Protein backbone atom coordinates (compact mmCIF):
# COMPACT_ATOMS: atom_id res chain seq x y z
CA MET A 1 212.43 71.22 -94.99
CA LYS A 2 210.89 74.64 -95.22
CA LYS A 3 213.22 77.59 -95.59
CA SER A 4 212.60 80.98 -94.04
CA VAL A 5 211.59 82.35 -97.44
CA ASP A 6 208.79 79.76 -97.54
CA TYR A 7 207.65 80.95 -94.13
CA MET A 8 207.79 84.56 -95.34
CA ALA A 9 205.56 83.76 -98.30
CA GLN A 10 203.13 81.88 -96.05
CA ILE A 11 202.99 84.77 -93.57
CA LEU A 12 202.27 87.26 -96.36
CA MET A 13 199.48 85.04 -97.71
CA ASP A 14 197.96 84.33 -94.29
CA GLU A 15 198.13 87.90 -92.98
CA PRO A 16 196.98 90.33 -95.69
CA ASN A 17 197.51 93.33 -93.39
CA TYR A 18 201.22 93.27 -94.32
CA LEU A 19 200.40 93.58 -98.02
CA GLU A 20 197.90 96.35 -97.28
CA GLN A 21 200.56 98.26 -95.32
CA ILE A 22 202.92 98.04 -98.30
CA LYS A 23 200.19 99.25 -100.70
CA GLU A 24 199.12 102.14 -98.47
CA GLU A 25 202.59 103.26 -97.41
CA PRO A 26 205.23 102.11 -99.92
CA GLU A 27 207.95 104.00 -98.04
CA LYS A 28 207.55 101.56 -95.12
CA THR A 29 208.12 98.49 -97.31
CA ASN A 30 211.54 97.76 -95.79
CA LYS A 31 210.13 97.95 -92.27
CA VAL A 32 207.31 95.53 -93.13
CA ILE A 33 209.70 93.13 -94.86
CA GLU A 34 212.02 93.15 -91.83
CA GLU A 35 209.08 92.40 -89.54
CA VAL A 36 207.93 89.50 -91.73
CA LYS A 37 211.53 88.25 -92.03
CA LYS A 38 211.93 88.24 -88.25
CA LYS A 39 208.68 86.34 -87.81
CA ALA A 40 209.68 83.80 -90.50
CA GLU A 41 213.08 83.18 -88.89
CA GLU A 42 211.40 82.48 -85.56
CA GLN A 43 209.12 79.94 -87.22
CA ALA A 44 212.04 78.32 -89.05
CA ARG A 45 214.02 77.94 -85.79
CA ALA A 46 211.06 76.40 -83.99
CA GLY A 47 211.85 72.98 -85.53
CA ILE A 48 214.46 71.90 -82.94
CA PRO A 49 213.34 72.10 -79.32
CA ASP A 50 215.62 73.87 -76.85
CA THR A 51 214.83 72.17 -73.56
CA GLY A 52 217.13 70.96 -70.81
CA VAL A 53 216.19 67.31 -71.31
CA TYR A 54 216.84 67.55 -75.06
CA ARG A 55 220.27 69.05 -74.44
CA MET A 56 221.13 66.38 -71.85
CA VAL A 57 220.13 63.58 -74.25
CA VAL A 58 222.21 65.07 -77.07
CA CYS A 59 225.21 65.50 -74.74
CA PHE A 60 224.91 61.96 -73.40
CA LEU A 61 224.66 60.46 -76.89
CA GLY A 62 227.63 62.54 -78.00
CA ILE A 63 229.70 61.32 -75.07
CA VAL A 64 228.77 57.69 -75.79
CA ALA A 65 229.67 58.09 -79.49
CA VAL A 66 233.03 59.73 -78.73
CA ALA A 67 233.84 57.17 -76.02
CA ALA A 68 233.08 54.33 -78.44
CA ILE A 69 235.34 55.87 -81.09
CA ILE A 70 238.19 56.49 -78.65
CA GLY A 71 237.78 53.05 -77.09
CA SER A 72 237.87 51.39 -80.51
CA ILE A 73 241.00 53.30 -81.47
CA ILE A 74 242.73 52.32 -78.23
CA LEU A 75 241.78 48.66 -78.60
CA VAL A 76 242.98 48.60 -82.20
CA GLY A 77 246.19 50.33 -81.09
CA ILE A 78 246.98 47.60 -78.56
CA LYS A 79 246.06 44.97 -81.15
CA THR A 80 242.96 43.67 -79.36
CA ASP A 81 239.69 42.82 -81.06
CA VAL A 82 237.02 45.48 -80.72
CA PRO A 83 233.93 43.97 -79.05
CA ASP A 84 230.76 43.96 -81.11
CA ALA A 85 228.93 45.62 -78.20
CA LEU A 86 231.25 48.64 -78.41
CA ILE A 87 230.62 48.97 -82.15
CA ALA A 88 226.86 48.61 -81.56
CA LEU A 89 226.86 51.28 -78.85
CA GLY A 90 228.78 53.72 -81.01
CA SER A 91 226.59 53.07 -84.03
CA ALA A 92 223.39 53.43 -82.02
CA ALA A 93 224.57 56.68 -80.45
CA VAL A 94 225.53 58.20 -83.81
CA GLY A 95 222.22 57.07 -85.34
CA ALA A 96 220.23 58.52 -82.46
CA LEU A 97 222.10 61.83 -82.74
CA ALA A 98 221.38 61.95 -86.46
CA GLY A 99 217.70 61.30 -85.78
CA LEU A 100 217.47 63.96 -83.08
CA LEU A 101 219.36 66.67 -84.93
CA SER A 102 217.96 66.18 -88.43
CA PRO A 103 214.96 68.32 -89.36
CA SER A 104 211.66 66.54 -89.18
CA ALA A 105 209.38 66.22 -92.20
CA LYS A 106 206.16 66.98 -90.30
CA GLY A 107 206.09 70.63 -91.37
CA SER A 108 207.00 70.19 -95.03
CA GLU A 109 204.38 70.16 -97.74
C-alpha cells in the first residue's frame, strides 16, 4: 500500500513546477510542501470509495456478522448446537468485510 509520502514523491517527480517554485522562491517552500501534502493525502484517501451503495453493503455485512456472533452466543448459552449455516454466514460476512475494507494492491508498485 502506498503511503502519502510516496504520493508526495510521485507528485514532485511528475510536476516539476513545484520544484521550480522552491528553487526560485525558497521562502515559499513551506507553502509548496503543504500544497503537495494536501494533494498526496487526497490521492491516498481515494483508495476506498465513499458511495451510498458501498456504505449499505458494509453496514449489511456488519449486521450479519454481529447477528451471527450474538446468535451463536445465545445458542451456546442455552446449550443448543450452533447450526453450521449460522457459522458459515458469520464467517462469510466477516471475510467479505475484510475484503471490502482492506486496501487493494492495484495501486502499489
